[in-house]
Amino acid sequence: MGYMFGLSPCYGCKVPFTYNVDRVPSIVVNGVREPLCADCVARANELRKKNGHPLIVPLPGAYEPEDDGDGREDA
């Protein structure tokens, strides 16, 4: 069994972090999905709330590795 995760800098703060590539909150920049870390989502949500916009709600497991689903058990 293995796990998959993405590793790259957050688009907002540029600090590297790991995430589930299918679940991480992101923004589209020039047609490319760019991931946002939990700290940047929290900062964005403060502004969104203040301005009456809906909050960004990360999907469960957004910042956790995902089982690779190969069905094998490593010894």
PDB file of N, CA and C in Angstrom:
ATOM      1  N   MET A   1       0.845  -1.161   0.000  1.00  0.00           N
ATOM      2  CA  MET A   1       0.000   0.000   0.000  1.00  0.00           C
ATOM      3  C   MET A   1       0.897   1.232   0.000  1.00  0.00           C
ATOM      4  N   GLY A   2       0.483   2.237  -0.711  1.00  0.00           N
ATOM      5  CA  GLY A   2       1.219   3.486  -0.743  1.00  0.00           C
ATOM      6  C   GLY A   2       0.271   4.663  -0.631  1.00  0.00           C
ATOM      7  N   TYR A   3       0.849   5.826  -0.595  1.00  0.00           N
ATOM      8  CA  TYR A   3       0.063   7.041  -0.491  1.00  0.00           C
ATOM      9  C   TYR A   3       0.531   8.022  -1.546  1.00  0.00           C
ATOM     10  N   MET A   4      -0.413   8.859  -2.007  1.00  0.00           N
ATOM     11  CA  MET A   4      -0.098   9.892  -2.996  1.00  0.00           C
ATOM     12  C   MET A   4      -0.396  11.259  -2.374  1.00  0.00           C
ATOM     13  N   PHE A   5       0.443  12.221  -2.709  1.00  0.00           N
ATOM     14  CA  PHE A   5       0.171  13.593  -2.298  1.00  0.00           C
ATOM     15  C   PHE A   5       0.939  14.527  -3.212  1.00  0.00           C
ATOM     16  N   GLY A   6       0.453  15.758  -3.277  1.00  0.00           N
ATOM     17  CA  GLY A   6       1.162  16.783  -4.028  1.00  0.00           C
ATOM     18  C   GLY A   6       2.081  17.537  -3.089  1.00  0.00           C
ATOM     19  N   LEU A   7       3.142  18.077  -3.620  1.00  0.00           N
ATOM     20  CA  LEU A   7       4.068  18.923  -2.870  1.00  0.00           C
ATOM     21  C   LEU A   7       4.449  20.073  -3.773  1.00  0.00           C
ATOM     22  N   SER A   8       4.101  21.270  -3.362  1.00  0.00           N
ATOM     23  CA  SER A   8       4.462  22.457  -4.127  1.00  0.00           C
ATOM     24  C   SER A   8       4.266  23.682  -3.242  1.00  0.00           C
ATOM     25  N   PRO A   9       4.745  24.826  -3.717  1.00  0.00           N
ATOM     26  CA  PRO A   9       4.512  26.040  -2.941  1.00  0.00           C
ATOM     27  C   PRO A   9       3.053  26.476  -3.044  1.00  0.00           C
ATOM     28  N   CYS A  10       2.548  27.034  -1.970  1.00  0.00           N
ATOM     29  CA  CYS A  10       1.219  27.636  -1.974  1.00  0.00           C
ATOM     30  C   CYS A  10       1.242  28.836  -2.922  1.00  0.00           C
ATOM     31  N   TYR A  11       0.196  29.017  -3.694  1.00  0.00           N
ATOM     32  CA  TYR A  11       0.164  30.149  -4.619  1.00  0.00           C
ATOM     33  C   TYR A  11       0.147  31.472  -3.847  1.00  0.00           C
ATOM     34  N   GLY A  12      -0.491  31.470  -2.664  1.00  0.00           N
ATOM     35  CA  GLY A  12      -0.615  32.709  -1.902  1.00  0.00           C
ATOM     36  C   GLY A  12       0.661  33.128  -1.188  1.00  0.00           C
ATOM     37  N   CYS A  13       1.242  32.221  -0.389  1.00  0.00           N
ATOM     38  CA  CYS A  13       2.373  32.590   0.471  1.00  0.00           C
ATOM     39  C   CYS A  13       3.713  32.029  -0.003  1.00  0.00           C
ATOM     40  N   LYS A  14       3.678  31.145  -1.001  1.00  0.00           N
ATOM     41  CA  LYS A  14       4.884  30.537  -1.599  1.00  0.00           C
ATOM     42  C   LYS A  14       5.590  29.526  -0.692  1.00  0.00           C
ATOM     43  N   VAL A  15       5.005  29.177   0.460  1.00  0.00           N
ATOM     44  CA  VAL A  15       5.594  28.181   1.356  1.00  0.00           C
ATOM     45  C   VAL A  15       5.214  26.787   0.847  1.00  0.00           C
ATOM     46  N   PRO A  16       6.188  25.870   0.702  1.00  0.00           N
ATOM     47  CA  PRO A  16       5.855  24.516   0.252  1.00  0.00           C
ATOM     48  C   PRO A  16       4.971  23.788   1.275  1.00  0.00           C
ATOM     49  N   PHE A  17       4.041  22.994   0.762  1.00  0.00           N
ATOM     50  CA  PHE A  17       3.177  22.188   1.622  1.00  0.00           C
ATOM     51  C   PHE A  17       2.706  20.964   0.851  1.00  0.00           C
ATOM     52  N   THR A  18       2.205  19.963   1.583  1.00  0.00           N
ATOM     53  CA  THR A  18       1.687  18.753   0.953  1.00  0.00           C
ATOM     54  C   THR A  18       0.163  18.780   1.003  1.00  0.00           C
ATOM     55  N   TYR A  19      -0.456  18.096   0.029  1.00  0.00           N
ATOM     56  CA  TYR A  19      -1.908  18.143  -0.092  1.00  0.00           C
ATOM     57  C   TYR A  19      -2.406  17.014  -0.982  1.00  0.00           C
ATOM     58  N   ASN A  20      -3.702  16.754  -0.901  1.00  0.00           N
ATOM     59  CA  ASN A  20      -4.386  15.822  -1.788  1.00  0.00           C
ATOM     60  C   ASN A  20      -4.704  16.603  -3.062  1.00  0.00           C
ATOM     61  N   VAL A  21      -4.143  16.203  -4.174  1.00  0.00           N
ATOM     62  CA  VAL A  21      -4.268  16.976  -5.415  1.00  0.00           C
ATOM     63  C   VAL A  21      -5.704  17.087  -5.907  1.00  0.00           C
ATOM     64  N   ASP A  22      -6.566  16.144  -5.535  1.00  0.00           N
ATOM     65  CA  ASP A  22      -7.958  16.184  -5.977  1.00  0.00           C
ATOM     66  C   ASP A  22      -8.859  16.995  -5.050  1.00  0.00           C
ATOM     67  N   ARG A  23      -8.390  17.315  -3.853  1.00  0.00           N
ATOM     68  CA  ARG A  23      -9.256  17.948  -2.863  1.00  0.00           C
ATOM     69  C   ARG A  23      -8.793  19.323  -2.367  1.00  0.00           C
ATOM     70  N   VAL A  24      -7.563  19.684  -2.618  1.00  0.00           N
ATOM     71  CA  VAL A  24      -7.032  20.939  -2.086  1.00  0.00           C
ATOM     72  C   VAL A  24      -7.759  22.148  -2.701  1.00  0.00           C
ATOM     73  N   PRO A  25      -8.068  23.167  -1.888  1.00  0.00           N
ATOM     74  CA  PRO A  25      -8.622  24.391  -2.460  1.00  0.00           C
ATOM     75  C   PRO A  25      -7.590  25.020  -3.402  1.00  0.00           C
ATOM     76  N   SER A  26      -8.072  25.569  -4.489  1.00  0.00           N
ATOM     77  CA  SER A  26      -7.148  26.153  -5.460  1.00  0.00           C
ATOM     78  C   SER A  26      -7.819  27.304  -6.190  1.00  0.00           C
ATOM     79  N   ILE A  27      -6.995  28.052  -6.891  1.00  0.00           N
ATOM     80  CA  ILE A  27      -7.491  29.095  -7.788  1.00  0.00           C
ATOM     81  C   ILE A  27      -6.913  28.797  -9.166  1.00  0.00           C
ATOM     82  N   VAL A  28      -7.590  29.290 -10.193  1.00  0.00           N
ATOM     83  CA  VAL A  28      -7.109  29.091 -11.557  1.00  0.00           C
ATOM     84  C   VAL A  28      -6.390  30.355 -12.004  1.00  0.00           C
ATOM     85  N   VAL A  29      -5.126  30.184 -12.390  1.00  0.00           N
ATOM     86  CA  VAL A  29      -4.296  31.288 -12.859  1.00  0.00           C
ATOM     87  C   VAL A  29      -3.794  30.913 -14.252  1.00  0.00           C
ATOM     88  N   ASN A  30      -4.166  31.702 -15.236  1.00  0.00           N
ATOM     89  CA  ASN A  30      -3.782  31.428 -16.627  1.00  0.00           C
ATOM     90  C   ASN A  30      -4.114  29.998 -17.037  1.00  0.00           C
ATOM     91  N   GLY A  31      -5.293  29.523 -16.624  1.00  0.00           N
ATOM     92  CA  GLY A  31      -5.758  28.204 -16.999  1.00  0.00           C
ATOM     93  C   GLY A  31      -5.173  27.053 -16.203  1.00  0.00           C
ATOM     94  N   VAL A  32      -4.368  27.338 -15.169  1.00  0.00           N
ATOM     95  CA  VAL A  32      -3.726  26.297 -14.366  1.00  0.00           C
ATOM     96  C   VAL A  32      -4.237  26.380 -12.927  1.00  0.00           C
ATOM     97  N   ARG A  33      -4.639  25.218 -12.379  1.00  0.00           N
ATOM     98  CA  ARG A  33      -5.052  25.161 -10.971  1.00  0.00           C
ATOM     99  C   ARG A  33      -3.841  25.336 -10.078  1.00  0.00           C
ATOM    100  N   GLU A  34      -3.898  26.312  -9.180  1.00  0.00           N
ATOM    101  CA  GLU A  34      -2.798  26.586  -8.251  1.00  0.00           C
ATOM    102  C   GLU A  34      -3.304  26.354  -6.826  1.00  0.00           C
ATOM    103  N   PRO A  35      -2.620  25.499  -6.034  1.00  0.00           N
ATOM    104  CA  PRO A  35      -3.093  25.135  -4.698  1.00  0.00           C
ATOM    105  C   PRO A  35      -2.897  26.252  -3.662  1.00  0.00           C
ATOM    106  N   LEU A  36      -3.782  26.227  -2.664  1.00  0.00           N
ATOM    107  CA  LEU A  36      -3.713  27.172  -1.542  1.00  0.00           C
ATOM    108  C   LEU A  36      -3.583  26.393  -0.236  1.00  0.00           C
ATOM    109  N   CYS A  37      -2.634  26.807   0.606  1.00  0.00           N
ATOM    110  CA  CYS A  37      -2.447  26.149   1.904  1.00  0.00           C
ATOM    111  C   CYS A  37      -3.566  26.552   2.866  1.00  0.00           C
ATOM    112  N   ALA A  38      -3.677  25.806   3.954  1.00  0.00           N
ATOM    113  CA  ALA A  38      -4.724  26.049   4.950  1.00  0.00           C
ATOM    114  C   ALA A  38      -4.605  27.441   5.566  1.00  0.00           C
ATOM    115  N   ASP A  39      -3.379  27.929   5.793  1.00  0.00           N
ATOM    116  CA  ASP A  39      -3.205  29.265   6.372  1.00  0.00           C
ATOM    117  C   ASP A  39      -3.720  30.347   5.425  1.00  0.00           C
ATOM    118  N   CYS A  40      -3.449  30.200   4.140  1.00  0.00           N
ATOM    119  CA  CYS A  40      -3.915  31.203   3.163  1.00  0.00           C
ATOM    120  C   CYS A  40      -5.434  31.139   2.990  1.00  0.00           C
ATOM    121  N   VAL A  41      -5.992  29.928   3.071  1.00  0.00           N
ATOM    122  CA  VAL A  41      -7.452  29.804   3.006  1.00  0.00           C
ATOM    123  C   VAL A  41      -8.073  30.513   4.207  1.00  0.00           C
ATOM    124  N   ALA A  42      -7.488  30.342   5.391  1.00  0.00           N
ATOM    125  CA  ALA A  42      -8.010  31.006   6.594  1.00  0.00           C
ATOM    126  C   ALA A  42      -7.935  32.526   6.450  1.00  0.00           C
ATOM    127  N   ARG A  43      -6.820  33.035   5.923  1.00  0.00           N
ATOM    128  CA  ARG A  43      -6.691  34.486   5.717  1.00  0.00           C
ATOM    129  C   ARG A  43      -7.694  34.981   4.680  1.00  0.00           C
ATOM    130  N   ALA A  44      -7.852  34.225   3.608  1.00  0.00           N
ATOM    131  CA  ALA A  44      -8.816  34.610   2.573  1.00  0.00           C
ATOM    132  C   ALA A  44     -10.231  34.605   3.138  1.00  0.00           C
ATOM    133  N   ASN A  45     -10.541  33.615   3.981  1.00  0.00           N
ATOM    134  CA  ASN A  45     -11.884  33.531   4.546  1.00  0.00           C
ATOM    135  C   ASN A  45     -12.203  34.706   5.462  1.00  0.00           C
ATOM    136  N   GLU A  46     -11.201  35.238   6.155  1.00  0.00           N
ATOM    137  CA  GLU A  46     -11.433  36.440   6.973  1.00  0.00           C
ATOM    138  C   GLU A  46     -11.927  37.579   6.094  1.00  0.00           C
ATOM    139  N   LEU A  47     -11.260  37.786   4.961  1.00  0.00           N
ATOM    140  CA  LEU A  47     -11.660  38.852   4.029  1.00  0.00           C
ATOM    141  C   LEU A  47     -13.001  38.535   3.368  1.00  0.00           C
ATOM    142  N   ARG A  48     -13.198  37.289   2.992  1.00  0.00           N
ATOM    143  CA  ARG A  48     -14.447  36.889   2.344  1.00  0.00           C
ATOM    144  C   ARG A  48     -15.627  37.129   3.280  1.00  0.00           C
ATOM    145  N   LYS A  49     -15.463  36.766   4.554  1.00  0.00           N
ATOM    146  CA  LYS A  49     -16.539  36.973   5.524  1.00  0.00           C
ATOM    147  C   LYS A  49     -16.828  38.463   5.688  1.00  0.00           C
ATOM    148  N   LYS A  50     -15.773  39.251   5.826  1.00  0.00           N
ATOM    149  CA  LYS A  50     -15.911  40.700   5.995  1.00  0.00           C
ATOM    150  C   LYS A  50     -16.639  41.341   4.814  1.00  0.00           C
ATOM    151  N   ASN A  51     -16.393  40.792   3.609  1.00  0.00           N
ATOM    152  CA  ASN A  51     -16.986  41.352   2.395  1.00  0.00           C
ATOM    153  C   ASN A  51     -18.283  40.664   1.974  1.00  0.00           C
ATOM    154  N   GLY A  52     -18.774  39.741   2.801  1.00  0.00           N
ATOM    155  CA  GLY A  52     -20.043  39.094   2.531  1.00  0.00           C
ATOM    156  C   GLY A  52     -19.995  38.021   1.452  1.00  0.00           C
ATOM    157  N   HIS A  53     -18.818  37.478   1.184  1.00  0.00           N
ATOM    158  CA  HIS A  53     -18.677  36.412   0.188  1.00  0.00           C
ATOM    159  C   HIS A  53     -18.723  35.051   0.874  1.00  0.00           C
ATOM    160  N   PRO A  54     -19.116  34.011   0.144  1.00  0.00           N
ATOM    161  CA  PRO A  54     -19.110  32.677   0.750  1.00  0.00           C
ATOM    162  C   PRO A  54     -17.701  32.251   1.144  1.00  0.00           C
ATOM    163  N   LEU A  55     -17.608  31.513   2.236  1.00  0.00           N
ATOM    164  CA  LEU A  55     -16.307  31.039   2.702  1.00  0.00           C
ATOM    165  C   LEU A  55     -15.817  29.874   1.841  1.00  0.00           C
ATOM    166  N   ILE A  56     -14.507  29.728   1.772  1.00  0.00           N
ATOM    167  CA  ILE A  56     -13.894  28.572   1.131  1.00  0.00           C
ATOM    168  C   ILE A  56     -13.903  27.451   2.157  1.00  0.00           C
ATOM    169  N   VAL A  57     -14.534  26.343   1.831  1.00  0.00           N
ATOM    170  CA  VAL A  57     -14.611  25.205   2.740  1.00  0.00           C
ATOM    171  C   VAL A  57     -13.814  24.058   2.122  1.00  0.00           C
ATOM    172  N   PRO A  58     -12.614  23.801   2.644  1.00  0.00           N
ATOM    173  CA  PRO A  58     -11.824  22.696   2.095  1.00  0.00           C
ATOM    174  C   PRO A  58     -12.556  21.364   2.234  1.00  0.00           C
ATOM    175  N   LEU A  59     -12.429  20.521   1.233  1.00  0.00           N
ATOM    176  CA  LEU A  59     -13.008  19.187   1.298  1.00  0.00           C
ATOM    177  C   LEU A  59     -12.290  18.367   2.365  1.00  0.00           C
ATOM    178  N   PRO A  60     -12.986  17.396   2.976  1.00  0.00           N
ATOM    179  CA  PRO A  60     -12.306  16.521   3.939  1.00  0.00           C
ATOM    180  C   PRO A  60     -11.094  15.858   3.287  1.00  0.00           C
ATOM    181  N   GLY A  61      -9.985  15.835   4.012  1.00  0.00           N
ATOM    182  CA  GLY A  61      -8.773  15.214   3.503  1.00  0.00           C
ATOM    183  C   GLY A  61      -7.968  16.072   2.543  1.00  0.00           C
ATOM    184  N   ALA A  62      -8.310  17.335   2.411  1.00  0.00           N
ATOM    185  CA  ALA A  62      -7.630  18.206   1.449  1.00  0.00           C
ATOM    186  C   ALA A  62      -6.132  18.334   1.712  1.00  0.00           C
ATOM    187  N   TYR A  63      -5.736  18.232   2.964  1.00  0.00           N
ATOM    188  CA  TYR A  63      -4.326  18.398   3.320  1.00  0.00           C
ATOM    189  C   TYR A  63      -3.712  17.100   3.844  1.00  0.00           C
ATOM    190  N   GLU A  64      -4.315  15.972   3.476  1.00  0.00           N
ATOM    191  CA  GLU A  64      -3.842  14.658   3.899  1.00  0.00           C
ATOM    192  C   GLU A  64      -3.435  13.840   2.673  1.00  0.00           C
ATOM    193  N   PRO A  65      -2.500  12.888   2.840  1.00  0.00           N
ATOM    194  CA  PRO A  65      -2.177  12.010   1.715  1.00  0.00           C
ATOM    195  C   PRO A  65      -3.365  11.109   1.405  1.00  0.00           C
ATOM    196  N   GLU A  66      -3.426  10.630   0.167  1.00  0.00           N
ATOM    197  CA  GLU A  66      -4.502   9.750  -0.264  1.00  0.00           C
ATOM    198  C   GLU A  66      -3.951   8.355  -0.524  1.00  0.00           C
ATOM    199  N   ASP A  67      -4.679   7.338  -0.111  1.00  0.00           N
ATOM    200  CA  ASP A  67      -4.305   5.955  -0.403  1.00  0.00           C
ATOM    201  C   ASP A  67      -4.211   5.809  -1.915  1.00  0.00           C
ATOM    202  N   ASP A  68      -3.144   5.193  -2.403  1.00  0.00           N
ATOM    203  CA  ASP A  68      -2.970   5.081  -3.850  1.00  0.00           C
ATOM    204  C   ASP A  68      -3.911   4.073  -4.491  1.00  0.00           C
ATOM    205  N   GLY A  69      -4.629   3.291  -3.669  1.00  0.00           N
ATOM    206  CA  GLY A  69      -5.655   2.414  -4.176  1.00  0.00           C
ATOM    207  C   GLY A  69      -5.164   1.218  -4.972  1.00  0.00           C
ATOM    208  N   ASP A  70      -3.886   0.848  -4.842  1.00  0.00           N
ATOM    209  CA  ASP A  70      -3.408  -0.288  -5.640  1.00  0.00           C
ATOM    210  C   ASP A  70      -3.824  -1.640  -5.052  1.00  0.00           C
ATOM    211  N   GLY A  71      -4.372  -1.633  -3.829  1.00  0.00           N
ATOM    212  CA  GLY A  71      -4.869  -2.849  -3.222  1.00  0.00           C
ATOM    213  C   GLY A  71      -3.812  -3.790  -2.684  1.00  0.00           C
ATOM    214  N   ARG A  72      -2.559  -3.445  -2.828  1.00  0.00           N
ATOM    215  CA  ARG A  72      -1.491  -4.331  -2.323  1.00  0.00           C
ATOM    216  C   ARG A  72      -1.130  -3.956  -0.911  1.00  0.00           C
ATOM    217  N   GLU A  73      -0.713  -4.938  -0.152  1.00  0.00           N
ATOM    218  CA  GLU A  73      -0.163  -4.665   1.174  1.00  0.00           C
ATOM    219  C   GLU A  73       1.322  -4.878   1.102  1.00  0.00           C
ATOM    220  N   ASP A  74       2.085  -3.858   1.405  1.00  0.00           N
ATOM    221  CA  ASP A  74       3.556  -3.978   1.391  1.00  0.00           C
ATOM    222  C   ASP A  74       4.010  -4.755   2.612  1.00  0.00           C
ATOM    223  N   ALA A  75       4.994  -5.567   2.429  1.00  0.00           N
ATOM    224  CA  ALA A  75       5.502  -6.387   3.528  1.00  0.00           C
ATOM    225  C   ALA A  75       6.594  -5.651   4.268  1.00  0.00           C
TER     226      ALA A  75
END
